[in-house]
Amino acid sequence: MPFFENFYAGGLRSVRGYKANTLGPRYSDNEPSGGAFKTVANTQLILPVPFMEKSENVRVAAFFDIGNVFATPSDFDANELRYSVGVSGLWISPLGPIVLSIAAPLNDQSGDETEVFQFSFGVPFN
């Protein structure tokens, strides 16, 4: 498939703690190529926001993410899944949502591009 039809994983909207769109197969120059099969699962435990009784536009959560991208469905290998844990904060500001995440990859491999802190402003275009 052309690169723009491939799936990509890593980053705030899939597996936090890994740099956006860097998980999975790579070209010979080590750039991510994406793949035809993506598997991602996320779970969050929403926590009360300290010092804020009625917080309708602020949320804090602990999370666990798992996932990766594979060239084809037959290439799936559960040992290649990447995991991360961390905390995230969301503020629905007057200008749009602001998301902050602090993540710790649990099983990063050599060649994986990780990021402890990730930030997003606004609504993603899909």
N, C-alpha and C. Protein backbone atom coordinates (compact mmCIF):
# COMPACT_ATOMS: atom_id res chain seq x y z
N MET A 1 0.84 -1.19 0.00
CA MET A 1 0.00 0.00 0.00
C MET A 1 0.88 1.25 0.00
N PRO A 2 0.39 2.35 -0.55
CA PRO A 2 1.14 3.60 -0.45
C PRO A 2 1.25 4.01 1.02
N PHE A 3 2.30 4.75 1.36
CA PHE A 3 2.55 5.10 2.75
C PHE A 3 1.36 5.80 3.40
N PHE A 4 0.59 6.58 2.64
CA PHE A 4 -0.52 7.33 3.22
C PHE A 4 -1.74 6.44 3.50
N GLU A 5 -1.72 5.19 3.06
CA GLU A 5 -2.79 4.25 3.38
C GLU A 5 -2.39 3.27 4.48
N ASN A 6 -1.16 3.35 4.96
CA ASN A 6 -0.70 2.47 6.04
C ASN A 6 -1.15 2.97 7.39
N PHE A 7 -1.16 2.06 8.36
CA PHE A 7 -1.43 2.41 9.74
C PHE A 7 -0.11 2.74 10.42
N TYR A 8 -0.18 3.65 11.40
CA TYR A 8 0.97 4.03 12.20
C TYR A 8 0.56 4.02 13.66
N ALA A 9 1.50 3.80 14.57
CA ALA A 9 1.20 3.80 16.00
C ALA A 9 2.33 4.48 16.76
N GLY A 10 2.03 4.87 17.97
CA GLY A 10 2.95 5.60 18.81
C GLY A 10 2.44 7.02 18.98
N GLY A 11 2.53 7.55 20.18
CA GLY A 11 2.10 8.91 20.43
C GLY A 11 0.84 8.99 21.28
N LEU A 12 0.37 10.20 21.48
CA LEU A 12 -0.76 10.46 22.38
C LEU A 12 -2.03 9.72 22.02
N ARG A 13 -2.26 9.44 20.76
CA ARG A 13 -3.52 8.83 20.37
C ARG A 13 -3.43 7.32 20.16
N SER A 14 -2.31 6.71 20.53
CA SER A 14 -2.22 5.25 20.44
C SER A 14 -1.42 4.69 21.61
N VAL A 15 -0.09 4.63 21.51
CA VAL A 15 0.74 4.11 22.60
C VAL A 15 1.61 5.26 23.10
N ARG A 16 1.15 5.87 24.18
CA ARG A 16 1.87 7.01 24.75
C ARG A 16 3.23 6.55 25.29
N GLY A 17 4.18 7.45 25.27
CA GLY A 17 5.53 7.12 25.71
C GLY A 17 6.45 6.78 24.55
N TYR A 18 5.86 6.52 23.38
CA TYR A 18 6.62 6.29 22.16
C TYR A 18 6.36 7.46 21.22
N LYS A 19 7.38 7.91 20.54
CA LYS A 19 7.23 9.05 19.63
C LYS A 19 6.14 8.75 18.59
N ALA A 20 5.37 9.77 18.24
CA ALA A 20 4.23 9.62 17.33
C ALA A 20 4.63 8.94 16.02
N ASN A 21 3.85 7.92 15.65
CA ASN A 21 3.97 7.23 14.36
C ASN A 21 5.31 6.54 14.13
N THR A 22 5.98 6.09 15.19
CA THR A 22 7.29 5.46 15.01
C THR A 22 7.32 3.96 15.28
N LEU A 23 6.22 3.39 15.77
CA LEU A 23 6.22 1.95 16.04
C LEU A 23 5.98 1.16 14.76
N GLY A 24 6.53 -0.04 14.70
CA GLY A 24 6.26 -0.93 13.58
C GLY A 24 7.38 -0.99 12.56
N PRO A 25 7.04 -1.49 11.35
CA PRO A 25 8.05 -1.69 10.30
C PRO A 25 8.73 -0.38 9.89
N ARG A 26 9.95 -0.55 9.35
CA ARG A 26 10.73 0.61 8.92
C ARG A 26 11.33 0.35 7.54
N TYR A 27 11.57 1.45 6.83
CA TYR A 27 12.28 1.38 5.55
C TYR A 27 13.75 1.13 5.82
N SER A 28 14.53 0.90 4.78
CA SER A 28 15.96 0.62 4.93
C SER A 28 16.71 1.81 5.53
N ASP A 29 16.17 3.03 5.39
CA ASP A 29 16.82 4.21 5.98
C ASP A 29 16.35 4.46 7.42
N ASN A 30 15.65 3.48 8.00
CA ASN A 30 15.17 3.48 9.38
C ASN A 30 13.98 4.41 9.62
N GLU A 31 13.37 4.95 8.57
CA GLU A 31 12.16 5.74 8.72
C GLU A 31 10.96 4.80 8.85
N PRO A 32 9.97 5.15 9.69
CA PRO A 32 8.79 4.30 9.84
C PRO A 32 8.03 4.16 8.52
N SER A 33 7.65 2.94 8.18
CA SER A 33 6.91 2.70 6.93
C SER A 33 5.44 2.41 7.17
N GLY A 34 5.06 2.17 8.43
CA GLY A 34 3.68 1.81 8.71
C GLY A 34 3.41 0.39 8.28
N GLY A 35 2.15 -0.02 8.40
CA GLY A 35 1.80 -1.38 8.04
C GLY A 35 0.32 -1.53 7.80
N ALA A 36 -0.07 -2.72 7.38
CA ALA A 36 -1.46 -3.00 7.05
C ALA A 36 -2.26 -3.50 8.25
N PHE A 37 -1.59 -3.79 9.37
CA PHE A 37 -2.28 -4.31 10.55
C PHE A 37 -1.82 -3.55 11.78
N LYS A 38 -2.78 -2.93 12.47
CA LYS A 38 -2.49 -2.16 13.68
C LYS A 38 -3.34 -2.71 14.80
N THR A 39 -2.72 -2.93 15.96
CA THR A 39 -3.47 -3.34 17.14
C THR A 39 -3.05 -2.44 18.31
N VAL A 40 -4.06 -1.81 18.92
CA VAL A 40 -3.82 -0.89 20.03
C VAL A 40 -4.94 -1.05 21.04
N ALA A 41 -4.59 -1.03 22.32
CA ALA A 41 -5.59 -1.05 23.39
C ALA A 41 -5.13 -0.06 24.46
N ASN A 42 -6.07 0.68 25.00
CA ASN A 42 -5.79 1.66 26.05
C ASN A 42 -6.80 1.48 27.17
N THR A 43 -6.34 1.69 28.39
CA THR A 43 -7.25 1.74 29.52
C THR A 43 -6.83 2.90 30.41
N GLN A 44 -7.82 3.60 30.95
CA GLN A 44 -7.55 4.74 31.81
C GLN A 44 -8.38 4.65 33.08
N LEU A 45 -7.80 5.06 34.16
CA LEU A 45 -8.50 5.18 35.42
C LEU A 45 -8.57 6.67 35.72
N ILE A 46 -9.77 7.23 35.60
CA ILE A 46 -9.94 8.66 35.83
C ILE A 46 -9.95 8.91 37.33
N LEU A 47 -9.11 9.85 37.73
CA LEU A 47 -8.92 10.14 39.15
C LEU A 47 -9.52 11.50 39.50
N PRO A 48 -9.92 11.68 40.76
CA PRO A 48 -10.39 13.01 41.15
C PRO A 48 -9.25 14.02 41.06
N VAL A 49 -9.59 15.21 40.60
CA VAL A 49 -8.57 16.25 40.47
C VAL A 49 -8.33 16.86 41.84
N PRO A 50 -7.08 16.82 42.32
CA PRO A 50 -6.79 17.37 43.65
C PRO A 50 -7.15 18.86 43.73
N PHE A 51 -7.72 19.27 44.83
CA PHE A 51 -8.05 20.66 45.13
C PHE A 51 -9.14 21.25 44.23
N MET A 52 -9.86 20.42 43.49
CA MET A 52 -10.94 20.91 42.63
C MET A 52 -12.15 20.01 42.83
N GLU A 53 -13.16 20.51 43.55
CA GLU A 53 -14.32 19.67 43.84
C GLU A 53 -15.17 19.42 42.60
N LYS A 54 -15.57 20.49 41.92
CA LYS A 54 -16.42 20.34 40.74
C LYS A 54 -15.63 20.77 39.51
N SER A 55 -14.97 19.81 38.95
CA SER A 55 -14.11 20.07 37.80
C SER A 55 -14.72 19.43 36.57
N GLU A 56 -15.42 20.21 35.78
CA GLU A 56 -16.06 19.68 34.58
C GLU A 56 -15.20 19.78 33.34
N ASN A 57 -14.18 20.62 33.37
CA ASN A 57 -13.35 20.79 32.18
C ASN A 57 -11.89 20.38 32.41
N VAL A 58 -11.61 19.73 33.54
CA VAL A 58 -10.26 19.23 33.83
C VAL A 58 -10.38 17.77 34.24
N ARG A 59 -9.48 16.95 33.70
CA ARG A 59 -9.49 15.52 34.02
C ARG A 59 -8.05 15.04 34.19
N VAL A 60 -7.84 14.18 35.18
CA VAL A 60 -6.54 13.53 35.41
C VAL A 60 -6.78 12.03 35.36
N ALA A 61 -5.87 11.30 34.74
CA ALA A 61 -6.06 9.85 34.62
C ALA A 61 -4.72 9.13 34.67
N ALA A 62 -4.76 7.91 35.18
CA ALA A 62 -3.63 6.97 35.08
C ALA A 62 -3.97 6.04 33.92
N PHE A 63 -2.97 5.67 33.12
CA PHE A 63 -3.27 4.86 31.94
C PHE A 63 -2.29 3.72 31.74
N PHE A 64 -2.72 2.75 30.94
CA PHE A 64 -1.90 1.65 30.45
C PHE A 64 -2.22 1.50 28.97
N ASP A 65 -1.21 1.57 28.12
CA ASP A 65 -1.37 1.44 26.67
C ASP A 65 -0.57 0.24 26.18
N ILE A 66 -1.06 -0.39 25.13
CA ILE A 66 -0.36 -1.51 24.49
C ILE A 66 -0.67 -1.47 23.00
N GLY A 67 0.32 -1.79 22.17
CA GLY A 67 0.04 -1.85 20.74
C GLY A 67 1.29 -1.88 19.88
N ASN A 68 1.07 -2.01 18.59
CA ASN A 68 2.14 -1.95 17.59
C ASN A 68 1.49 -2.04 16.21
N VAL A 69 2.30 -1.90 15.19
CA VAL A 69 1.88 -2.02 13.80
C VAL A 69 2.70 -3.12 13.15
N PHE A 70 2.06 -3.88 12.27
CA PHE A 70 2.72 -4.99 11.58
C PHE A 70 2.48 -4.84 10.08
N ALA A 71 3.44 -5.29 9.28
CA ALA A 71 3.33 -5.13 7.83
C ALA A 71 2.08 -5.80 7.28
N THR A 72 1.78 -7.02 7.76
CA THR A 72 0.57 -7.74 7.35
C THR A 72 -0.02 -8.41 8.59
N PRO A 73 -1.29 -8.81 8.53
CA PRO A 73 -1.87 -9.51 9.69
C PRO A 73 -1.11 -10.78 10.07
N SER A 74 -0.54 -11.46 9.10
CA SER A 74 0.19 -12.70 9.41
C SER A 74 1.53 -12.42 10.11
N ASP A 75 2.00 -11.18 10.09
CA ASP A 75 3.24 -10.81 10.78
C ASP A 75 3.03 -10.54 12.26
N PHE A 76 1.77 -10.56 12.73
CA PHE A 76 1.49 -10.26 14.13
C PHE A 76 2.28 -11.19 15.05
N ASP A 77 2.93 -10.59 16.04
CA ASP A 77 3.69 -11.33 17.06
C ASP A 77 3.46 -10.62 18.39
N ALA A 78 2.79 -11.27 19.32
CA ALA A 78 2.47 -10.66 20.61
C ALA A 78 3.72 -10.22 21.35
N ASN A 79 4.87 -10.84 21.08
CA ASN A 79 6.12 -10.44 21.72
C ASN A 79 6.62 -9.09 21.22
N GLU A 80 6.08 -8.61 20.11
CA GLU A 80 6.49 -7.33 19.54
C GLU A 80 5.61 -6.17 20.01
N LEU A 81 4.58 -6.45 20.80
CA LEU A 81 3.72 -5.38 21.31
C LEU A 81 4.51 -4.52 22.29
N ARG A 82 4.25 -3.22 22.27
CA ARG A 82 4.90 -2.29 23.18
C ARG A 82 3.90 -1.84 24.24
N TYR A 83 4.38 -1.65 25.48
CA TYR A 83 3.52 -1.28 26.60
C TYR A 83 4.04 0.02 27.20
N SER A 84 3.12 0.78 27.79
CA SER A 84 3.52 1.96 28.54
C SER A 84 2.49 2.25 29.62
N VAL A 85 2.93 2.92 30.68
CA VAL A 85 2.06 3.36 31.76
C VAL A 85 2.39 4.82 32.04
N GLY A 86 1.44 5.51 32.66
CA GLY A 86 1.71 6.90 33.01
C GLY A 86 0.48 7.62 33.50
N VAL A 87 0.59 8.93 33.55
CA VAL A 87 -0.51 9.80 33.94
C VAL A 87 -0.73 10.83 32.85
N SER A 88 -1.99 11.24 32.71
CA SER A 88 -2.30 12.27 31.71
C SER A 88 -3.26 13.27 32.32
N GLY A 89 -3.23 14.45 31.76
CA GLY A 89 -4.14 15.51 32.17
C GLY A 89 -4.80 16.10 30.94
N LEU A 90 -6.07 16.44 31.06
CA LEU A 90 -6.83 17.04 29.97
C LEU A 90 -7.53 18.28 30.49
N TRP A 91 -7.39 19.38 29.76
CA TRP A 91 -8.10 20.61 30.09
C TRP A 91 -8.86 21.05 28.86
N ILE A 92 -10.16 21.15 28.98
CA ILE A 92 -10.97 21.67 27.88
C ILE A 92 -10.93 23.19 28.01
N SER A 93 -9.99 23.81 27.34
CA SER A 93 -9.79 25.25 27.42
C SER A 93 -10.76 25.96 26.47
N PRO A 94 -10.91 27.27 26.60
CA PRO A 94 -11.76 28.01 25.68
C PRO A 94 -11.28 27.93 24.22
N LEU A 95 -10.02 27.62 24.02
CA LEU A 95 -9.47 27.53 22.67
C LEU A 95 -9.38 26.11 22.14
N GLY A 96 -9.80 25.14 22.93
CA GLY A 96 -9.73 23.74 22.51
C GLY A 96 -9.06 22.89 23.57
N PRO A 97 -9.12 21.56 23.42
CA PRO A 97 -8.54 20.68 24.43
C PRO A 97 -7.01 20.72 24.45
N ILE A 98 -6.47 20.68 25.65
CA ILE A 98 -5.02 20.59 25.86
C ILE A 98 -4.77 19.30 26.63
N VAL A 99 -3.91 18.44 26.08
CA VAL A 99 -3.61 17.14 26.70
C VAL A 99 -2.13 17.08 27.01
N LEU A 100 -1.81 16.71 28.24
CA LEU A 100 -0.43 16.50 28.68
C LEU A 100 -0.31 15.06 29.14
N SER A 101 0.80 14.42 28.83
CA SER A 101 0.99 13.04 29.21
C SER A 101 2.43 12.82 29.66
N ILE A 102 2.59 12.11 30.76
CA ILE A 102 3.91 11.66 31.22
C ILE A 102 3.84 10.14 31.22
N ALA A 103 4.68 9.51 30.39
CA ALA A 103 4.60 8.06 30.19
C ALA A 103 5.95 7.40 30.38
N ALA A 104 5.89 6.14 30.78
CA ALA A 104 7.09 5.32 30.91
C ALA A 104 6.90 4.06 30.06
N PRO A 105 7.64 3.94 28.95
CA PRO A 105 7.58 2.70 28.18
C PRO A 105 8.11 1.55 29.04
N LEU A 106 7.41 0.42 29.01
CA LEU A 106 7.79 -0.69 29.88
C LEU A 106 8.69 -1.71 29.19
N ASN A 107 8.63 -1.80 27.87
CA ASN A 107 9.44 -2.81 27.19
C ASN A 107 10.01 -2.28 25.88
N ASP A 108 10.52 -1.05 25.90
CA ASP A 108 11.09 -0.50 24.68
C ASP A 108 12.33 -1.30 24.26
N GLN A 109 12.50 -1.40 22.96
CA GLN A 109 13.60 -2.16 22.38
C GLN A 109 14.59 -1.19 21.74
N SER A 110 15.77 -1.67 21.41
CA SER A 110 16.73 -0.80 20.74
C SER A 110 16.13 -0.38 19.40
N GLY A 111 16.26 0.88 19.08
CA GLY A 111 15.67 1.42 17.86
C GLY A 111 14.33 2.09 18.08
N ASP A 112 13.67 1.80 19.21
CA ASP A 112 12.41 2.48 19.51
C ASP A 112 12.69 3.93 19.89
N GLU A 113 11.82 4.82 19.44
CA GLU A 113 11.95 6.24 19.77
C GLU A 113 10.93 6.55 20.86
N THR A 114 11.43 6.89 22.05
CA THR A 114 10.54 7.12 23.19
C THR A 114 10.50 8.61 23.55
N GLU A 115 9.41 9.00 24.21
CA GLU A 115 9.24 10.35 24.74
C GLU A 115 8.55 10.24 26.08
N VAL A 116 9.13 10.80 27.10
CA VAL A 116 8.52 10.76 28.43
C VAL A 116 7.36 11.74 28.51
N PHE A 117 7.52 12.93 27.95
CA PHE A 117 6.50 13.97 28.00
C PHE A 117 5.92 14.19 26.61
N GLN A 118 4.60 14.21 26.52
CA GLN A 118 3.92 14.48 25.26
C GLN A 118 2.82 15.49 25.47
N PHE A 119 2.58 16.32 24.46
CA PHE A 119 1.66 17.44 24.58
C PHE A 119 0.86 17.58 23.30
N SER A 120 -0.42 17.89 23.44
CA SER A 120 -1.27 18.10 22.27
C SER A 120 -2.20 19.26 22.55
N PHE A 121 -2.44 20.08 21.53
CA PHE A 121 -3.36 21.20 21.64
C PHE A 121 -4.32 21.16 20.47
N GLY A 122 -5.59 21.19 20.74
CA GLY A 122 -6.59 21.21 19.67
C GLY A 122 -7.14 19.84 19.36
N VAL A 123 -8.05 19.82 18.42
CA VAL A 123 -8.73 18.60 18.01
C VAL A 123 -7.99 17.99 16.83
N PRO A 124 -7.71 16.67 16.86
CA PRO A 124 -7.00 16.04 15.73
C PRO A 124 -7.89 15.93 14.50
N PHE A 125 -7.26 16.02 13.33
CA PHE A 125 -7.96 15.77 12.07
C PHE A 125 -7.72 14.32 11.70
N ASN A 126 -8.77 13.59 11.41
CA ASN A 126 -8.63 12.18 11.04
C ASN A 126 -8.95 11.96 9.60
